[in-house]
Amino acid sequence: VQLQASGGGLVQAGGSLRLSCVVSGRAFSTYHMGWFRQAPGKEREFVATISWSGDKLYYTDSMKGRFTISRDNAKNTVYLQMNSLKPEDTAVYYCAAVNSGSYYYAPRGPNEYRYWGQGTQVTVSS
């Protein structure tokens, strides 16, 4: 399984970006998907998750109302729409996948995800 994240870039504070993550293979619709991020010198942190069915969404409190996770199972793609970006959102953003058979709910810990993308850099200038 390969995950390819894209959509990062440089944006001014208050701006928006949409990240995409394409997953190879035929099992995408059975995966819970997650977005995580890691800033320099910090641990990887949970951003958002979406269940395999797309009906269970979870966000870190600081991102509720600004970020939206979604998925298109026909395109094997998960998205992260990021609005009202802040300089503290600057990080490398990673998408991750785990088989839904292992978890009823999409997990929020990075160690629980089996497959990872390469990351895409998001830089928010003040």
N, C-alpha and C. Protein backbone atom coordinates (compact mmCIF):
# COMPACT_ATOMS: atom_id res chain seq x y z
N VAL A 1 0.86 -1.19 0.00
CA VAL A 1 0.00 0.00 0.00
C VAL A 1 0.90 1.24 0.00
N GLN A 2 0.61 2.15 -0.91
CA GLN A 2 1.37 3.41 -0.97
C GLN A 2 0.43 4.58 -0.84
N LEU A 3 0.87 5.58 -0.08
CA LEU A 3 0.09 6.78 0.11
C LEU A 3 0.90 7.95 -0.44
N GLN A 4 0.27 8.78 -1.23
CA GLN A 4 0.94 9.92 -1.84
C GLN A 4 0.20 11.19 -1.45
N ALA A 5 0.82 12.00 -0.60
CA ALA A 5 0.21 13.24 -0.15
C ALA A 5 0.69 14.40 -1.02
N SER A 6 -0.19 15.35 -1.21
CA SER A 6 0.16 16.54 -1.99
C SER A 6 -0.72 17.70 -1.56
N GLY A 7 -0.40 18.89 -2.07
CA GLY A 7 -1.23 20.05 -1.82
C GLY A 7 -0.65 21.05 -0.85
N GLY A 8 0.49 20.71 -0.24
CA GLY A 8 1.11 21.66 0.68
C GLY A 8 1.70 22.84 -0.06
N GLY A 9 2.16 23.82 0.71
CA GLY A 9 2.76 24.99 0.11
C GLY A 9 2.90 26.11 1.11
N LEU A 10 3.20 27.28 0.58
CA LEU A 10 3.36 28.49 1.39
C LEU A 10 2.11 29.34 1.26
N VAL A 11 1.55 29.73 2.39
CA VAL A 11 0.32 30.52 2.37
C VAL A 11 0.41 31.55 3.50
N GLN A 12 -0.25 32.67 3.31
CA GLN A 12 -0.29 33.68 4.36
C GLN A 12 -1.31 33.31 5.43
N ALA A 13 -1.10 33.82 6.61
CA ALA A 13 -2.05 33.60 7.69
C ALA A 13 -3.45 34.02 7.25
N GLY A 14 -4.42 33.19 7.60
CA GLY A 14 -5.79 33.44 7.18
C GLY A 14 -6.16 32.76 5.88
N GLY A 15 -5.16 32.24 5.18
CA GLY A 15 -5.41 31.59 3.90
C GLY A 15 -5.85 30.15 4.04
N SER A 16 -5.98 29.48 2.90
CA SER A 16 -6.49 28.11 2.87
C SER A 16 -5.61 27.23 1.99
N LEU A 17 -5.61 25.97 2.32
CA LEU A 17 -4.97 24.94 1.50
C LEU A 17 -5.83 23.69 1.56
N ARG A 18 -5.75 22.90 0.51
CA ARG A 18 -6.43 21.61 0.48
C ARG A 18 -5.41 20.53 0.22
N LEU A 19 -5.22 19.67 1.19
CA LEU A 19 -4.30 18.55 1.03
C LEU A 19 -5.06 17.35 0.48
N SER A 20 -4.36 16.57 -0.32
CA SER A 20 -4.92 15.34 -0.87
C SER A 20 -3.97 14.19 -0.57
N CYS A 21 -4.53 13.02 -0.45
CA CYS A 21 -3.72 11.83 -0.24
C CYS A 21 -4.35 10.70 -1.03
N VAL A 22 -3.63 10.22 -2.03
CA VAL A 22 -4.10 9.13 -2.87
C VAL A 22 -3.50 7.83 -2.37
N VAL A 23 -4.34 6.82 -2.23
CA VAL A 23 -3.91 5.52 -1.71
C VAL A 23 -3.98 4.48 -2.82
N SER A 24 -2.91 3.76 -2.98
CA SER A 24 -2.89 2.72 -4.02
C SER A 24 -3.66 1.49 -3.56
N GLY A 25 -4.04 0.68 -4.51
CA GLY A 25 -4.68 -0.58 -4.19
C GLY A 25 -6.19 -0.51 -4.17
N ARG A 26 -6.81 -1.67 -3.93
CA ARG A 26 -8.26 -1.78 -4.00
C ARG A 26 -8.94 -1.73 -2.65
N ALA A 27 -8.16 -1.63 -1.58
CA ALA A 27 -8.74 -1.75 -0.25
C ALA A 27 -9.01 -0.42 0.43
N PHE A 28 -8.90 0.68 -0.33
CA PHE A 28 -9.02 2.01 0.30
C PHE A 28 -10.32 2.13 1.10
N SER A 29 -11.41 1.63 0.57
CA SER A 29 -12.71 1.80 1.22
C SER A 29 -12.81 1.05 2.53
N THR A 30 -11.84 0.20 2.83
CA THR A 30 -11.85 -0.53 4.10
C THR A 30 -10.91 0.10 5.13
N TYR A 31 -10.23 1.18 4.75
CA TYR A 31 -9.27 1.80 5.66
C TYR A 31 -9.88 2.98 6.42
N HIS A 32 -9.59 3.05 7.70
CA HIS A 32 -9.72 4.33 8.40
C HIS A 32 -8.54 5.19 7.95
N MET A 33 -8.77 6.47 7.80
CA MET A 33 -7.71 7.37 7.34
C MET A 33 -7.47 8.48 8.36
N GLY A 34 -6.24 8.89 8.46
CA GLY A 34 -5.91 9.97 9.39
C GLY A 34 -4.94 10.96 8.80
N TRP A 35 -5.00 12.16 9.31
CA TRP A 35 -3.99 13.19 9.01
C TRP A 35 -3.27 13.53 10.32
N PHE A 36 -1.98 13.61 10.23
CA PHE A 36 -1.14 13.99 11.36
C PHE A 36 -0.19 15.08 10.87
N ARG A 37 0.45 15.74 11.82
CA ARG A 37 1.43 16.74 11.42
C ARG A 37 2.59 16.74 12.40
N GLN A 38 3.71 17.22 11.92
CA GLN A 38 4.90 17.28 12.76
C GLN A 38 5.66 18.55 12.45
N ALA A 39 5.77 19.39 13.45
CA ALA A 39 6.55 20.63 13.34
C ALA A 39 7.99 20.35 13.78
N PRO A 40 8.92 21.16 13.35
CA PRO A 40 10.32 20.95 13.74
C PRO A 40 10.50 20.91 15.25
N GLY A 41 11.17 19.88 15.72
CA GLY A 41 11.45 19.76 17.15
C GLY A 41 10.28 19.27 17.98
N LYS A 42 9.19 18.92 17.32
CA LYS A 42 8.01 18.46 18.06
C LYS A 42 7.63 17.05 17.63
N GLU A 43 6.82 16.42 18.47
CA GLU A 43 6.34 15.09 18.15
C GLU A 43 5.22 15.16 17.11
N ARG A 44 5.03 14.06 16.42
CA ARG A 44 3.93 13.99 15.47
C ARG A 44 2.62 14.04 16.24
N GLU A 45 1.69 14.87 15.77
CA GLU A 45 0.44 15.04 16.48
C GLU A 45 -0.77 14.76 15.59
N PHE A 46 -1.80 14.34 16.23
CA PHE A 46 -3.06 14.03 15.56
C PHE A 46 -3.73 15.30 15.04
N VAL A 47 -4.24 15.25 13.83
CA VAL A 47 -5.00 16.37 13.24
C VAL A 47 -6.47 15.99 13.08
N ALA A 48 -6.72 14.92 12.33
CA ALA A 48 -8.10 14.53 12.04
C ALA A 48 -8.12 13.09 11.55
N THR A 49 -9.24 12.43 11.78
CA THR A 49 -9.44 11.09 11.24
C THR A 49 -10.83 10.97 10.65
N ILE A 50 -10.96 10.01 9.75
CA ILE A 50 -12.25 9.71 9.15
C ILE A 50 -12.36 8.20 9.03
N SER A 51 -13.53 7.70 9.39
CA SER A 51 -13.75 6.26 9.35
C SER A 51 -13.83 5.76 7.92
N TRP A 52 -13.77 4.45 7.76
CA TRP A 52 -13.82 3.86 6.43
C TRP A 52 -15.11 4.25 5.70
N SER A 53 -16.20 4.38 6.47
CA SER A 53 -17.51 4.71 5.89
C SER A 53 -17.68 6.21 5.65
N GLY A 54 -16.81 7.00 6.24
CA GLY A 54 -16.90 8.44 6.07
C GLY A 54 -17.87 9.14 7.00
N ASP A 55 -18.49 8.41 7.91
CA ASP A 55 -19.51 9.04 8.74
C ASP A 55 -19.04 9.36 10.15
N LYS A 56 -17.84 8.98 10.47
CA LYS A 56 -17.28 9.29 11.79
C LYS A 56 -16.02 10.10 11.61
N LEU A 57 -16.10 11.34 12.05
CA LEU A 57 -14.99 12.28 11.89
C LEU A 57 -14.52 12.74 13.26
N TYR A 58 -13.23 12.91 13.42
CA TYR A 58 -12.68 13.41 14.68
C TYR A 58 -11.60 14.43 14.36
N TYR A 59 -11.54 15.45 15.20
CA TYR A 59 -10.56 16.52 15.02
C TYR A 59 -9.92 16.86 16.35
N THR A 60 -8.68 17.31 16.26
CA THR A 60 -8.09 17.95 17.42
C THR A 60 -8.87 19.23 17.71
N ASP A 61 -9.09 19.52 18.99
CA ASP A 61 -9.94 20.66 19.35
C ASP A 61 -9.50 21.96 18.68
N SER A 62 -8.22 22.18 18.58
CA SER A 62 -7.72 23.46 18.04
C SER A 62 -8.00 23.60 16.55
N MET A 63 -8.41 22.51 15.91
CA MET A 63 -8.65 22.55 14.48
C MET A 63 -10.12 22.45 14.11
N LYS A 64 -10.96 22.19 15.10
CA LYS A 64 -12.40 22.13 14.82
C LYS A 64 -12.88 23.47 14.29
N GLY A 65 -13.66 23.41 13.23
CA GLY A 65 -14.18 24.63 12.64
C GLY A 65 -13.26 25.25 11.60
N ARG A 66 -12.00 24.84 11.59
CA ARG A 66 -11.06 25.36 10.59
C ARG A 66 -10.68 24.29 9.56
N PHE A 67 -10.54 23.05 10.01
CA PHE A 67 -10.12 21.96 9.13
C PHE A 67 -11.30 21.02 8.89
N THR A 68 -11.35 20.46 7.71
CA THR A 68 -12.37 19.48 7.36
C THR A 68 -11.74 18.31 6.65
N ILE A 69 -11.96 17.12 7.19
CA ILE A 69 -11.47 15.90 6.55
C ILE A 69 -12.61 15.27 5.77
N SER A 70 -12.29 14.73 4.62
CA SER A 70 -13.30 14.05 3.80
C SER A 70 -12.61 12.99 2.97
N ARG A 71 -13.41 12.14 2.35
CA ARG A 71 -12.84 11.09 1.52
C ARG A 71 -13.73 10.82 0.33
N ASP A 72 -13.11 10.35 -0.73
CA ASP A 72 -13.81 9.93 -1.93
C ASP A 72 -13.33 8.52 -2.23
N ASN A 73 -14.13 7.55 -1.86
CA ASN A 73 -13.69 6.16 -2.03
C ASN A 73 -13.57 5.76 -3.50
N ALA A 74 -14.30 6.42 -4.36
CA ALA A 74 -14.21 6.13 -5.80
C ALA A 74 -12.86 6.57 -6.36
N LYS A 75 -12.25 7.55 -5.70
CA LYS A 75 -10.96 8.08 -6.17
C LYS A 75 -9.80 7.64 -5.27
N ASN A 76 -10.08 6.80 -4.29
CA ASN A 76 -9.04 6.36 -3.36
C ASN A 76 -8.31 7.54 -2.73
N THR A 77 -9.04 8.57 -2.39
CA THR A 77 -8.42 9.81 -1.93
C THR A 77 -9.08 10.32 -0.65
N VAL A 78 -8.23 10.81 0.24
CA VAL A 78 -8.69 11.50 1.43
C VAL A 78 -8.18 12.92 1.35
N TYR A 79 -8.98 13.86 1.84
CA TYR A 79 -8.67 15.28 1.74
C TYR A 79 -8.62 15.92 3.12
N LEU A 80 -7.87 16.99 3.20
CA LEU A 80 -7.90 17.83 4.39
C LEU A 80 -7.99 19.28 3.92
N GLN A 81 -9.18 19.85 4.08
CA GLN A 81 -9.37 21.26 3.75
C GLN A 81 -9.01 22.08 4.97
N MET A 82 -8.08 23.00 4.80
CA MET A 82 -7.59 23.80 5.92
C MET A 82 -7.87 25.26 5.63
N ASN A 83 -8.68 25.86 6.47
CA ASN A 83 -9.04 27.27 6.35
C ASN A 83 -8.52 28.05 7.55
N SER A 84 -8.50 29.37 7.41
CA SER A 84 -8.07 30.24 8.51
C SER A 84 -6.74 29.78 9.09
N LEU A 85 -5.81 29.52 8.22
CA LEU A 85 -4.53 28.98 8.67
C LEU A 85 -3.76 29.99 9.52
N LYS A 86 -3.03 29.44 10.48
CA LYS A 86 -2.24 30.24 11.41
C LYS A 86 -0.77 29.83 11.30
N PRO A 87 0.14 30.71 11.66
CA PRO A 87 1.56 30.34 11.61
C PRO A 87 1.87 29.06 12.40
N GLU A 88 1.15 28.83 13.48
CA GLU A 88 1.39 27.62 14.27
C GLU A 88 0.91 26.35 13.59
N ASP A 89 0.25 26.47 12.46
CA ASP A 89 -0.13 25.30 11.68
C ASP A 89 1.02 24.83 10.78
N THR A 90 2.10 25.57 10.76
CA THR A 90 3.25 25.21 9.95
C THR A 90 3.83 23.87 10.42
N ALA A 91 3.92 22.93 9.49
CA ALA A 91 4.39 21.57 9.81
C ALA A 91 4.43 20.75 8.53
N VAL A 92 5.01 19.57 8.65
CA VAL A 92 4.85 18.57 7.60
C VAL A 92 3.59 17.77 7.94
N TYR A 93 2.70 17.66 6.97
CA TYR A 93 1.45 16.95 7.17
C TYR A 93 1.54 15.57 6.52
N TYR A 94 1.13 14.57 7.29
CA TYR A 94 1.18 13.18 6.83
C TYR A 94 -0.21 12.58 6.81
N CYS A 95 -0.47 11.77 5.78
CA CYS A 95 -1.68 10.96 5.80
C CYS A 95 -1.30 9.54 6.19
N ALA A 96 -2.24 8.85 6.78
CA ALA A 96 -1.99 7.50 7.27
C ALA A 96 -3.25 6.66 7.14
N ALA A 97 -3.04 5.35 7.05
CA ALA A 97 -4.15 4.42 6.86
C ALA A 97 -4.01 3.23 7.79
N VAL A 98 -5.15 2.71 8.22
CA VAL A 98 -5.17 1.47 9.00
C VAL A 98 -6.42 0.71 8.62
N ASN A 99 -6.29 -0.60 8.59
CA ASN A 99 -7.44 -1.43 8.21
C ASN A 99 -8.54 -1.31 9.26
N SER A 100 -9.74 -1.10 8.82
CA SER A 100 -10.86 -0.89 9.74
C SER A 100 -11.20 -2.15 10.54
N GLY A 101 -10.70 -3.29 10.08
CA GLY A 101 -10.95 -4.51 10.83
C GLY A 101 -10.28 -4.53 12.17
N SER A 102 -9.28 -3.68 12.34
CA SER A 102 -8.54 -3.64 13.60
C SER A 102 -9.16 -2.69 14.62
N TYR A 103 -9.97 -1.75 14.14
CA TYR A 103 -10.54 -0.72 15.02
C TYR A 103 -11.95 -0.40 14.59
N TYR A 104 -12.87 -0.34 15.57
CA TYR A 104 -14.24 0.06 15.25
C TYR A 104 -14.27 1.54 14.89
N TYR A 105 -13.56 2.34 15.68
CA TYR A 105 -13.45 3.77 15.40
C TYR A 105 -12.05 4.07 14.84
N ALA A 106 -11.96 5.08 14.01
CA ALA A 106 -10.66 5.48 13.49
C ALA A 106 -9.78 5.92 14.65
N PRO A 107 -8.63 5.31 14.82
CA PRO A 107 -7.77 5.66 15.95
C PRO A 107 -7.14 7.02 15.79
N ARG A 108 -6.66 7.58 16.91
CA ARG A 108 -6.08 8.91 16.90
C ARG A 108 -4.60 8.92 17.22
N GLY A 109 -4.07 7.76 17.55
CA GLY A 109 -2.65 7.69 17.87
C GLY A 109 -1.84 7.30 16.65
N PRO A 110 -0.76 7.99 16.39
CA PRO A 110 0.04 7.67 15.21
C PRO A 110 0.58 6.25 15.21
N ASN A 111 0.85 5.70 16.38
CA ASN A 111 1.40 4.35 16.43
C ASN A 111 0.40 3.28 16.00
N GLU A 112 -0.87 3.66 15.90
CA GLU A 112 -1.90 2.69 15.53
C GLU A 112 -2.11 2.60 14.03
N TYR A 113 -1.44 3.46 13.28
CA TYR A 113 -1.59 3.44 11.83
C TYR A 113 -0.45 2.65 11.20
N ARG A 114 -0.84 1.88 10.20
CA ARG A 114 0.13 0.96 9.61
C ARG A 114 0.83 1.56 8.40
N TYR A 115 0.09 2.33 7.61
CA TYR A 115 0.63 2.84 6.35
C TYR A 115 0.72 4.36 6.41
N TRP A 116 1.80 4.89 5.87
CA TRP A 116 2.05 6.34 5.92
C TRP A 116 2.48 6.87 4.57
N GLY A 117 2.05 8.09 4.31
CA GLY A 117 2.55 8.81 3.15
C GLY A 117 3.84 9.52 3.48
N GLN A 118 4.41 10.19 2.49
CA GLN A 118 5.73 10.79 2.65
C GLN A 118 5.68 12.17 3.30
N GLY A 119 4.52 12.75 3.40
CA GLY A 119 4.38 14.06 4.00
C GLY A 119 4.42 15.18 2.98
N THR A 120 3.72 16.25 3.30
CA THR A 120 3.72 17.44 2.45
C THR A 120 3.86 18.66 3.37
N GLN A 121 4.76 19.57 2.99
CA GLN A 121 5.09 20.72 3.84
C GLN A 121 4.03 21.80 3.71
N VAL A 122 3.56 22.27 4.84
CA VAL A 122 2.67 23.42 4.90
C VAL A 122 3.37 24.51 5.70
N THR A 123 3.52 25.67 5.09
CA THR A 123 4.16 26.80 5.76
C THR A 123 3.22 27.99 5.73
N VAL A 124 2.91 28.51 6.91
CA VAL A 124 2.00 29.64 7.02
C VAL A 124 2.79 30.85 7.53
N SER A 125 2.83 31.88 6.72
CA SER A 125 3.57 33.09 7.09
C SER A 125 2.66 34.09 7.80
N SER A 126 3.25 34.85 8.68
CA SER A 126 2.45 35.82 9.45
C SER A 126 2.39 37.17 8.75
